[in-house]
């Protein structure tokens, strides 16, 4: 399945564990054309998911993730898989 350069996923309503599992699946499936995964988690309750993303996938824990950055608003986190 061909993916775009930025893959978006909305994890509203998921637990932090479920959200991380969904994101890990997207990372595994990402093809060479994908350079970012944009996670829409929301702001208030989404902060738990955001912290889990940094804790479970940041700091070199996931070899395909170069870095994690904030999105255009506080309810979005982006995982950079490669430089554009």
PDB file of N, CA and C in Angstrom:
ATOM      1  N   UNK A   1       0.845  -1.177   0.000  1.00  0.00           N
ATOM      2  CA  UNK A   1       0.000   0.000   0.000  1.00  0.00           C
ATOM      3  C   UNK A   1       0.889   1.239   0.000  1.00  0.00           C
ATOM      4  N   UNK A   2       0.683   2.113  -0.958  1.00  0.00           N
ATOM      5  CA  UNK A   2       1.458   3.354  -1.043  1.00  0.00           C
ATOM      6  C   UNK A   2       0.922   4.346  -0.032  1.00  0.00           C
ATOM      7  N   UNK A   3       1.851   4.945   0.698  1.00  0.00           N
ATOM      8  CA  UNK A   3       1.486   5.955   1.678  1.00  0.00           C
ATOM      9  C   UNK A   3       2.014   7.294   1.210  1.00  0.00           C
ATOM     10  N   UNK A   4       1.495   8.356   1.805  1.00  0.00           N
ATOM     11  CA  UNK A   4       1.978   9.680   1.490  1.00  0.00           C
ATOM     12  C   UNK A   4       3.190  10.036   2.334  1.00  0.00           C
ATOM     13  N   UNK A   5       3.734  11.225   2.112  1.00  0.00           N
ATOM     14  CA  UNK A   5       4.902  11.644   2.869  1.00  0.00           C
ATOM     15  C   UNK A   5       4.617  11.877   4.356  1.00  0.00           C
ATOM     16  N   UNK A   6       3.373  12.264   4.649  1.00  0.00           N
ATOM     17  CA  UNK A   6       2.963  12.445   6.038  1.00  0.00           C
ATOM     18  C   UNK A   6       1.733  11.577   6.283  1.00  0.00           C
ATOM     19  N   UNK A   7       1.852  10.668   7.237  1.00  0.00           N
ATOM     20  CA  UNK A   7       0.744   9.792   7.593  1.00  0.00           C
ATOM     21  C   UNK A   7       0.122  10.346   8.871  1.00  0.00           C
ATOM     22  N   UNK A   8      -1.194  10.545   8.864  1.00  0.00           N
ATOM     23  CA  UNK A   8      -1.895  11.055  10.037  1.00  0.00           C
ATOM     24  C   UNK A   8      -2.692   9.948  10.703  1.00  0.00           C
ATOM     25  N   UNK A   9      -2.716   9.992  12.020  1.00  0.00           N
ATOM     26  CA  UNK A   9      -3.562   9.079  12.771  1.00  0.00           C
ATOM     27  C   UNK A   9      -4.199   9.842  13.923  1.00  0.00           C
ATOM     28  N   UNK A  10      -5.462   9.595  14.150  1.00  0.00           N
ATOM     29  CA  UNK A  10      -6.205  10.232  15.241  1.00  0.00           C
ATOM     30  C   UNK A  10      -6.391   9.183  16.335  1.00  0.00           C
ATOM     31  N   UNK A  11      -5.864   9.465  17.508  1.00  0.00           N
ATOM     32  CA  UNK A  11      -5.915   8.494  18.596  1.00  0.00           C
ATOM     33  C   UNK A  11      -6.842   8.942  19.727  1.00  0.00           C
ATOM     34  N   UNK A  12      -7.736   9.890  19.433  1.00  0.00           N
ATOM     35  CA  UNK A  12      -8.726  10.295  20.434  1.00  0.00           C
ATOM     36  C   UNK A  12      -9.498   9.065  20.904  1.00  0.00           C
ATOM     37  N   UNK A  13      -9.725   8.972  22.187  1.00  0.00           N
ATOM     38  CA  UNK A  13     -10.519   7.881  22.734  1.00  0.00           C
ATOM     39  C   UNK A  13      -9.732   6.618  23.048  1.00  0.00           C
ATOM     40  N   UNK A  14      -8.462   6.567  22.657  1.00  0.00           N
ATOM     41  CA  UNK A  14      -7.648   5.402  22.964  1.00  0.00           C
ATOM     42  C   UNK A  14      -6.899   5.634  24.271  1.00  0.00           C
ATOM     43  N   UNK A  15      -6.521   4.550  24.917  1.00  0.00           N
ATOM     44  CA  UNK A  15      -5.636   4.681  26.072  1.00  0.00           C
ATOM     45  C   UNK A  15      -4.232   4.973  25.541  1.00  0.00           C
ATOM     46  N   UNK A  16      -3.342   5.389  26.424  1.00  0.00           N
ATOM     47  CA  UNK A  16      -1.968   5.661  26.003  1.00  0.00           C
ATOM     48  C   UNK A  16      -1.329   4.405  25.424  1.00  0.00           C
ATOM     49  N   UNK A  17      -1.567   3.267  26.051  1.00  0.00           N
ATOM     50  CA  UNK A  17      -1.002   2.005  25.567  1.00  0.00           C
ATOM     51  C   UNK A  17      -1.538   1.652  24.178  1.00  0.00           C
ATOM     52  N   UNK A  18      -2.840   1.795  23.972  1.00  0.00           N
ATOM     53  CA  UNK A  18      -3.432   1.509  22.667  1.00  0.00           C
ATOM     54  C   UNK A  18      -2.886   2.457  21.598  1.00  0.00           C
ATOM     55  N   UNK A  19      -2.733   3.721  21.965  1.00  0.00           N
ATOM     56  CA  UNK A  19      -2.226   4.712  21.014  1.00  0.00           C
ATOM     57  C   UNK A  19      -0.793   4.378  20.603  1.00  0.00           C
ATOM     58  N   UNK A  20       0.055   4.038  21.564  1.00  0.00           N
ATOM     59  CA  UNK A  20       1.448   3.689  21.247  1.00  0.00           C
ATOM     60  C   UNK A  20       1.489   2.454  20.350  1.00  0.00           C
ATOM     61  N   UNK A  21       0.651   1.462  20.621  1.00  0.00           N
ATOM     62  CA  UNK A  21       0.610   0.264  19.774  1.00  0.00           C
ATOM     63  C   UNK A  21       0.195   0.619  18.349  1.00  0.00           C
ATOM     64  N   UNK A  22      -0.792   1.496  18.207  1.00  0.00           N
ATOM     65  CA  UNK A  22      -1.245   1.912  16.877  1.00  0.00           C
ATOM     66  C   UNK A  22      -0.117   2.650  16.152  1.00  0.00           C
ATOM     67  N   UNK A  23       0.579   3.518  16.853  1.00  0.00           N
ATOM     68  CA  UNK A  23       1.671   4.277  16.250  1.00  0.00           C
ATOM     69  C   UNK A  23       2.819   3.348  15.860  1.00  0.00           C
ATOM     70  N   UNK A  24       3.142   2.392  16.712  1.00  0.00           N
ATOM     71  CA  UNK A  24       4.197   1.426  16.386  1.00  0.00           C
ATOM     72  C   UNK A  24       3.855   0.658  15.112  1.00  0.00           C
ATOM     73  N   UNK A  25       2.579   0.329  14.936  1.00  0.00           N
ATOM     74  CA  UNK A  25       2.154  -0.342  13.710  1.00  0.00           C
ATOM     75  C   UNK A  25       2.359   0.536  12.484  1.00  0.00           C
ATOM     76  N   UNK A  26       2.072   1.827  12.612  1.00  0.00           N
ATOM     77  CA  UNK A  26       2.290   2.750  11.499  1.00  0.00           C
ATOM     78  C   UNK A  26       3.776   2.893  11.184  1.00  0.00           C
ATOM     79  N   UNK A  27       4.601   2.915  12.212  1.00  0.00           N
ATOM     80  CA  UNK A  27       6.045   3.004  12.000  1.00  0.00           C
ATOM     81  C   UNK A  27       6.531   1.779  11.237  1.00  0.00           C
ATOM     82  N   UNK A  28       6.070   0.597  11.630  1.00  0.00           N
ATOM     83  CA  UNK A  28       6.479  -0.647  10.951  1.00  0.00           C
ATOM     84  C   UNK A  28       6.039  -0.662   9.492  1.00  0.00           C
ATOM     85  N   UNK A  29       4.849  -0.145   9.219  1.00  0.00           N
ATOM     86  CA  UNK A  29       4.297  -0.187   7.867  1.00  0.00           C
ATOM     87  C   UNK A  29       4.764   0.958   6.978  1.00  0.00           C
ATOM     88  N   UNK A  30       5.415   1.960   7.554  1.00  0.00           N
ATOM     89  CA  UNK A  30       5.810   3.143   6.778  1.00  0.00           C
ATOM     90  C   UNK A  30       6.763   2.749   5.653  1.00  0.00           C
ATOM     91  N   UNK A  31       6.452   3.222   4.449  1.00  0.00           N
ATOM     92  CA  UNK A  31       7.333   2.931   3.315  1.00  0.00           C
ATOM     93  C   UNK A  31       8.383   4.029   3.190  1.00  0.00           C
ATOM     94  N   UNK A  32       9.229   3.909   2.197  1.00  0.00           N
ATOM     95  CA  UNK A  32      10.351   4.840   2.047  1.00  0.00           C
ATOM     96  C   UNK A  32       9.903   6.256   1.704  1.00  0.00           C
ATOM     97  N   UNK A  33       8.680   6.421   1.238  1.00  0.00           N
ATOM     98  CA  UNK A  33       8.166   7.751   0.915  1.00  0.00           C
ATOM     99  C   UNK A  33       7.613   8.503   2.110  1.00  0.00           C
ATOM    100  N   UNK A  34       7.461   7.829   3.227  1.00  0.00           N
ATOM    101  CA  UNK A  34       6.903   8.456   4.424  1.00  0.00           C
ATOM    102  C   UNK A  34       8.027   9.025   5.274  1.00  0.00           C
ATOM    103  N   UNK A  35       7.922  10.319   5.589  1.00  0.00           N
ATOM    104  CA  UNK A  35       8.961  10.900   6.434  1.00  0.00           C
ATOM    105  C   UNK A  35       8.437  11.411   7.771  1.00  0.00           C
ATOM    106  N   UNK A  36       7.115  11.493   7.947  1.00  0.00           N
ATOM    107  CA  UNK A  36       6.546  11.904   9.230  1.00  0.00           C
ATOM    108  C   UNK A  36       5.266  11.142   9.525  1.00  0.00           C
ATOM    109  N   UNK A  37       5.052  10.917  10.804  1.00  0.00           N
ATOM    110  CA  UNK A  37       3.765  10.408  11.271  1.00  0.00           C
ATOM    111  C   UNK A  37       3.205  11.459  12.202  1.00  0.00           C
ATOM    112  N   UNK A  38       2.044  11.978  11.846  1.00  0.00           N
ATOM    113  CA  UNK A  38       1.383  13.022  12.630  1.00  0.00           C
ATOM    114  C   UNK A  38       0.319  12.362  13.500  1.00  0.00           C
ATOM    115  N   UNK A  39       0.458  12.520  14.802  1.00  0.00           N
ATOM    116  CA  UNK A  39      -0.464  11.912  15.760  1.00  0.00           C
ATOM    117  C   UNK A  39      -1.359  13.013  16.330  1.00  0.00           C
ATOM    118  N   UNK A  40      -2.642  12.870  16.118  1.00  0.00           N
ATOM    119  CA  UNK A  40      -3.615  13.818  16.649  1.00  0.00           C
ATOM    120  C   UNK A  40      -4.185  13.191  17.912  1.00  0.00           C
ATOM    121  N   UNK A  41      -3.817  13.751  19.057  1.00  0.00           N
ATOM    122  CA  UNK A  41      -4.201  13.156  20.331  1.00  0.00           C
ATOM    123  C   UNK A  41      -5.058  14.063  21.192  1.00  0.00           C
ATOM    124  N   UNK A  42      -5.206  15.306  20.818  1.00  0.00           N
ATOM    125  CA  UNK A  42      -5.980  16.234  21.637  1.00  0.00           C
ATOM    126  C   UNK A  42      -5.117  16.869  22.710  1.00  0.00           C
ATOM    127  N   UNK A  43      -5.688  17.839  23.395  1.00  0.00           N
ATOM    128  CA  UNK A  43      -4.891  18.633  24.319  1.00  0.00           C
ATOM    129  C   UNK A  43      -5.001  18.185  25.771  1.00  0.00           C
ATOM    130  N   UNK A  44      -6.174  18.128  26.328  1.00  0.00           N
ATOM    131  CA  UNK A  44      -6.288  17.850  27.761  1.00  0.00           C
ATOM    132  C   UNK A  44      -5.996  16.389  28.087  1.00  0.00           C
ATOM    133  N   UNK A  45      -6.868  15.484  27.726  1.00  0.00           N
ATOM    134  CA  UNK A  45      -6.615  14.061  27.987  1.00  0.00           C
ATOM    135  C   UNK A  45      -5.519  13.517  27.090  1.00  0.00           C
ATOM    136  N   UNK A  46      -5.271  14.175  25.978  1.00  0.00           N
ATOM    137  CA  UNK A  46      -4.228  13.747  25.051  1.00  0.00           C
ATOM    138  C   UNK A  46      -2.822  13.914  25.594  1.00  0.00           C
ATOM    139  N   UNK A  47      -2.670  14.705  26.655  1.00  0.00           N
ATOM    140  CA  UNK A  47      -1.338  14.886  27.233  1.00  0.00           C
ATOM    141  C   UNK A  47      -0.760  13.568  27.738  1.00  0.00           C
ATOM    142  N   UNK A  48      -1.604  12.682  28.240  1.00  0.00           N
ATOM    143  CA  UNK A  48      -1.124  11.359  28.672  1.00  0.00           C
ATOM    144  C   UNK A  48      -0.563  10.588  27.488  1.00  0.00           C
ATOM    145  N   UNK A  49      -1.240  10.665  26.367  1.00  0.00           N
ATOM    146  CA  UNK A  49      -0.772   9.986  25.162  1.00  0.00           C
ATOM    147  C   UNK A  49       0.528  10.617  24.685  1.00  0.00           C
ATOM    148  N   UNK A  50       0.600  11.935  24.712  1.00  0.00           N
ATOM    149  CA  UNK A  50       1.813  12.616  24.287  1.00  0.00           C
ATOM    150  C   UNK A  50       3.007  12.196  25.141  1.00  0.00           C
ATOM    151  N   UNK A  51       2.825  12.140  26.445  1.00  0.00           N
ATOM    152  CA  UNK A  51       3.914  11.709  27.329  1.00  0.00           C
ATOM    153  C   UNK A  51       4.318  10.265  27.030  1.00  0.00           C
ATOM    154  N   UNK A  52       3.345   9.402  26.754  1.00  0.00           N
ATOM    155  CA  UNK A  52       3.645   8.001  26.428  1.00  0.00           C
ATOM    156  C   UNK A  52       4.422   7.901  25.124  1.00  0.00           C
ATOM    157  N   UNK A  53       4.106   8.743  24.150  1.00  0.00           N
ATOM    158  CA  UNK A  53       4.832   8.735  22.875  1.00  0.00           C
ATOM    159  C   UNK A  53       6.300   9.057  23.126  1.00  0.00           C
ATOM    160  N   UNK A  54       6.557  10.117  23.884  1.00  0.00           N
ATOM    161  CA  UNK A  54       7.944  10.482  24.180  1.00  0.00           C
ATOM    162  C   UNK A  54       8.644   9.391  24.984  1.00  0.00           C
ATOM    163  N   UNK A  55       7.944   8.828  25.956  1.00  0.00           N
ATOM    164  CA  UNK A  55       8.527   7.815  26.843  1.00  0.00           C
ATOM    165  C   UNK A  55       8.826   6.511  26.089  1.00  0.00           C
ATOM    166  N   UNK A  56       7.896   6.062  25.252  1.00  0.00           N
ATOM    167  CA  UNK A  56       8.017   4.747  24.601  1.00  0.00           C
ATOM    168  C   UNK A  56       8.750   4.779  23.264  1.00  0.00           C
ATOM    169  N   UNK A  57       8.706   5.916  22.566  1.00  0.00           N
ATOM    170  CA  UNK A  57       9.250   5.957  21.209  1.00  0.00           C
ATOM    171  C   UNK A  57      10.386   6.953  21.026  1.00  0.00           C
ATOM    172  N   UNK A  58      10.591   7.837  21.981  1.00  0.00           N
ATOM    173  CA  UNK A  58      11.618   8.871  21.860  1.00  0.00           C
ATOM    174  C   UNK A  58      12.953   8.432  22.417  1.00  0.00           C
ATOM    175  N   UNK A  59      13.919   9.306  22.277  1.00  0.00           N
ATOM    176  CA  UNK A  59      15.236   9.058  22.856  1.00  0.00           C
ATOM    177  C   UNK A  59      15.951   7.844  22.311  1.00  0.00           C
ATOM    178  N   UNK A  60      15.703   7.513  21.047  1.00  0.00           N
ATOM    179  CA  UNK A  60      16.393   6.382  20.442  1.00  0.00           C
ATOM    180  C   UNK A  60      15.776   5.022  20.731  1.00  0.00           C
ATOM    181  N   UNK A  61      14.650   4.996  21.440  1.00  0.00           N
ATOM    182  CA  UNK A  61      14.018   3.708  21.757  1.00  0.00           C
ATOM    183  C   UNK A  61      13.436   3.029  20.526  1.00  0.00           C
ATOM    184  N   UNK A  62      12.960   3.827  19.586  1.00  0.00           N
ATOM    185  CA  UNK A  62      12.469   3.265  18.328  1.00  0.00           C
ATOM    186  C   UNK A  62      13.480   3.626  17.248  1.00  0.00           C
ATOM    187  N   UNK A  63      14.155   2.640  16.667  1.00  0.00           N
ATOM    188  CA  UNK A  63      15.235   2.922  15.730  1.00  0.00           C
ATOM    189  C   UNK A  63      14.810   3.682  14.474  1.00  0.00           C
ATOM    190  N   UNK A  64      13.556   3.635  14.110  1.00  0.00           N
ATOM    191  CA  UNK A  64      13.108   4.340  12.896  1.00  0.00           C
ATOM    192  C   UNK A  64      12.724   5.788  13.164  1.00  0.00           C
ATOM    193  N   UNK A  65      12.603   6.179  14.423  1.00  0.00           N
ATOM    194  CA  UNK A  65      12.200   7.544  14.762  1.00  0.00           C
ATOM    195  C   UNK A  65      13.450   8.380  15.030  1.00  0.00           C
ATOM    196  N   UNK A  66      13.689   9.379  14.159  1.00  0.00           N
ATOM    197  CA  UNK A  66      14.841  10.263  14.351  1.00  0.00           C
ATOM    198  C   UNK A  66      14.622  11.194  15.536  1.00  0.00           C
ATOM    199  N   UNK A  67      13.423  11.779  15.581  1.00  0.00           N
ATOM    200  CA  UNK A  67      13.082  12.681  16.679  1.00  0.00           C
ATOM    201  C   UNK A  67      11.577  12.865  16.729  1.00  0.00           C
ATOM    202  N   UNK A  68      11.135  13.414  17.844  1.00  0.00           N
ATOM    203  CA  UNK A  68       9.717  13.707  18.041  1.00  0.00           C
ATOM    204  C   UNK A  68       9.592  15.202  18.247  1.00  0.00           C
ATOM    205  N   UNK A  69       8.648  15.815  17.531  1.00  0.00           N
ATOM    206  CA  UNK A  69       8.457  17.262  17.618  1.00  0.00           C
ATOM    207  C   UNK A  69       6.977  17.571  17.834  1.00  0.00           C
ATOM    208  N   UNK A  70       6.722  18.749  18.386  1.00  0.00           N
ATOM    209  CA  UNK A  70       5.345  19.201  18.533  1.00  0.00           C
ATOM    210  C   UNK A  70       4.771  19.582  17.188  1.00  0.00           C
ATOM    211  N   UNK A  71       3.477  19.480  17.084  1.00  0.00           N
ATOM    212  CA  UNK A  71       2.808  19.847  15.843  1.00  0.00           C
ATOM    213  C   UNK A  71       2.464  21.320  15.822  1.00  0.00           C
ATOM    214  N   UNK A  72       1.559  21.689  14.927  1.00  0.00           N
ATOM    215  CA  UNK A  72       1.139  23.078  14.796  1.00  0.00           C
ATOM    216  C   UNK A  72       0.318  23.554  15.980  1.00  0.00           C
ATOM    217  N   UNK A  73      -0.217  22.635  16.758  1.00  0.00           N
ATOM    218  CA  UNK A  73      -0.942  22.996  17.977  1.00  0.00           C
ATOM    219  C   UNK A  73      -0.622  21.965  19.049  1.00  0.00           C
ATOM    220  N   UNK A  74      -0.943  22.253  20.316  1.00  0.00           N
ATOM    221  CA  UNK A  74      -0.548  21.348  21.396  1.00  0.00           C
ATOM    222  C   UNK A  74      -1.232  19.981  21.380  1.00  0.00           C
ATOM    223  N   UNK A  75      -2.225  19.790  20.543  1.00  0.00           N
ATOM    224  CA  UNK A  75      -2.915  18.514  20.459  1.00  0.00           C
ATOM    225  C   UNK A  75      -2.346  17.584  19.405  1.00  0.00           C
ATOM    226  N   UNK A  76      -1.193  17.958  18.842  1.00  0.00           N
ATOM    227  CA  UNK A  76      -0.567  17.164  17.780  1.00  0.00           C
ATOM    228  C   UNK A  76       0.899  16.924  18.123  1.00  0.00           C
ATOM    229  N   UNK A  77       1.359  15.703  17.893  1.00  0.00           N
ATOM    230  CA  UNK A  77       2.771  15.357  18.030  1.00  0.00           C
ATOM    231  C   UNK A  77       3.192  14.670  16.731  1.00  0.00           C
ATOM    232  N   UNK A  78       4.379  15.001  16.254  1.00  0.00           N
ATOM    233  CA  UNK A  78       4.860  14.413  15.009  1.00  0.00           C
ATOM    234  C   UNK A  78       6.136  13.613  15.246  1.00  0.00           C
ATOM    235  N   UNK A  79       6.185  12.434  14.658  1.00  0.00           N
ATOM    236  CA  UNK A  79       7.369  11.583  14.707  1.00  0.00           C
ATOM    237  C   UNK A  79       8.081  11.710  13.373  1.00  0.00           C
ATOM    238  N   UNK A  80       9.326  12.146  13.402  1.00  0.00           N
ATOM    239  CA  UNK A  80      10.120  12.323  12.193  1.00  0.00           C
ATOM    240  C   UNK A  80      10.880  11.033  11.926  1.00  0.00           C
ATOM    241  N   UNK A  81      10.587  10.407  10.781  1.00  0.00           N
ATOM    242  CA  UNK A  81      11.234   9.151  10.425  1.00  0.00           C
ATOM    243  C   UNK A  81      12.483   9.379   9.589  1.00  0.00           C
ATOM    244  N   UNK A  82      12.477  10.425   8.809  1.00  0.00           N
ATOM    245  CA  UNK A  82      13.648  10.803   8.013  1.00  0.00           C
ATOM    246  C   UNK A  82      13.508  12.279   7.662  1.00  0.00           C
ATOM    247  N   UNK A  83      14.622  12.874   7.270  1.00  0.00           N
ATOM    248  CA  UNK A  83      14.583  14.284   6.896  1.00  0.00           C
ATOM    249  C   UNK A  83      13.958  14.426   5.518  1.00  0.00           C
ATOM    250  N   UNK A  84      13.232  15.483   5.313  1.00  0.00           N
ATOM    251  CA  UNK A  84      12.564  15.753   4.046  1.00  0.00           C
ATOM    252  C   UNK A  84      13.540  16.337   3.078  1.00  0.00           C
TER     253      UNK A  84
END
